[in-house]
């Protein structure tokens, strides 16, 4: 497994918003919202499934 990147020149093309704290914060909040939504959705599904067994 190799990589086509042979130098660190123009690395900003690969990490276009890594130097922007606002964009990193928005990205982190978006990820947290997705994870929270998944957990809530899974809990609702599991609660419904267990209620069906009663």
Protein backbone atom coordinates (compact mmCIF):
# COMPACT_ATOMS: atom_id res chain seq x y z
CA UNK A 1 0.00 0.00 0.00
CA UNK A 2 1.56 3.19 -1.14
CA UNK A 3 0.50 6.78 -1.40
CA UNK A 4 0.72 9.24 -4.23
CA UNK A 5 1.66 12.07 -1.83
CA UNK A 6 5.40 12.52 -1.98
CA UNK A 7 5.80 15.93 -0.30
CA UNK A 8 4.01 18.30 2.06
CA UNK A 9 3.80 21.09 -0.53
CA UNK A 10 0.28 22.41 -1.13
CA UNK A 11 -1.09 20.30 1.73
CA UNK A 12 -3.83 22.91 2.24
CA UNK A 13 -5.53 21.40 -0.79
CA UNK A 14 -6.15 18.25 1.27
CA UNK A 15 -7.10 19.94 4.55
CA UNK A 16 -9.03 22.95 3.32
CA UNK A 17 -10.65 23.97 6.62
CA UNK A 18 -8.23 22.62 9.22
CA UNK A 19 -7.05 26.13 10.07
CA UNK A 20 -10.58 27.46 10.68
CA UNK A 21 -11.79 26.94 14.27
CA UNK A 22 -15.37 27.86 13.30
CA UNK A 23 -15.54 25.18 10.59
CA UNK A 24 -13.98 22.58 12.90
CA UNK A 25 -16.53 23.43 15.60
CA UNK A 26 -19.41 23.16 13.10
CA UNK A 27 -18.06 19.83 11.87
CA UNK A 28 -17.75 18.51 15.44
CA UNK A 29 -21.28 19.68 16.31
CA UNK A 30 -22.62 18.05 13.15
CA UNK A 31 -20.94 14.76 14.07
CA UNK A 32 -22.27 14.97 17.62
CA UNK A 33 -25.80 15.63 16.31
CA UNK A 34 -25.61 12.61 14.00
CA UNK A 35 -24.37 10.32 16.80
CA UNK A 36 -27.03 11.61 19.20
CA UNK A 37 -29.74 11.11 16.58
CA UNK A 38 -28.57 7.56 15.97
CA UNK A 39 -28.57 6.72 19.68
CA UNK A 40 -32.08 8.16 20.14
CA UNK A 41 -33.33 6.28 17.07
CA UNK A 42 -31.82 2.98 18.24
CA UNK A 43 -33.28 3.42 21.75
CA UNK A 44 -36.74 4.09 20.31
CA UNK A 45 -36.51 1.02 18.09
CA UNK A 46 -35.36 -1.19 20.97
CA UNK A 47 -38.09 0.10 23.29
CA UNK A 48 -40.73 -0.62 20.62
CA UNK A 49 -39.32 -4.09 19.99
CA UNK A 50 -39.36 -4.99 23.69
CA UNK A 51 -42.90 -3.62 24.08
CA UNK A 52 -44.04 -5.94 21.26
CA UNK A 53 -42.75 -8.93 23.22
CA UNK A 54 -44.86 -8.12 26.30
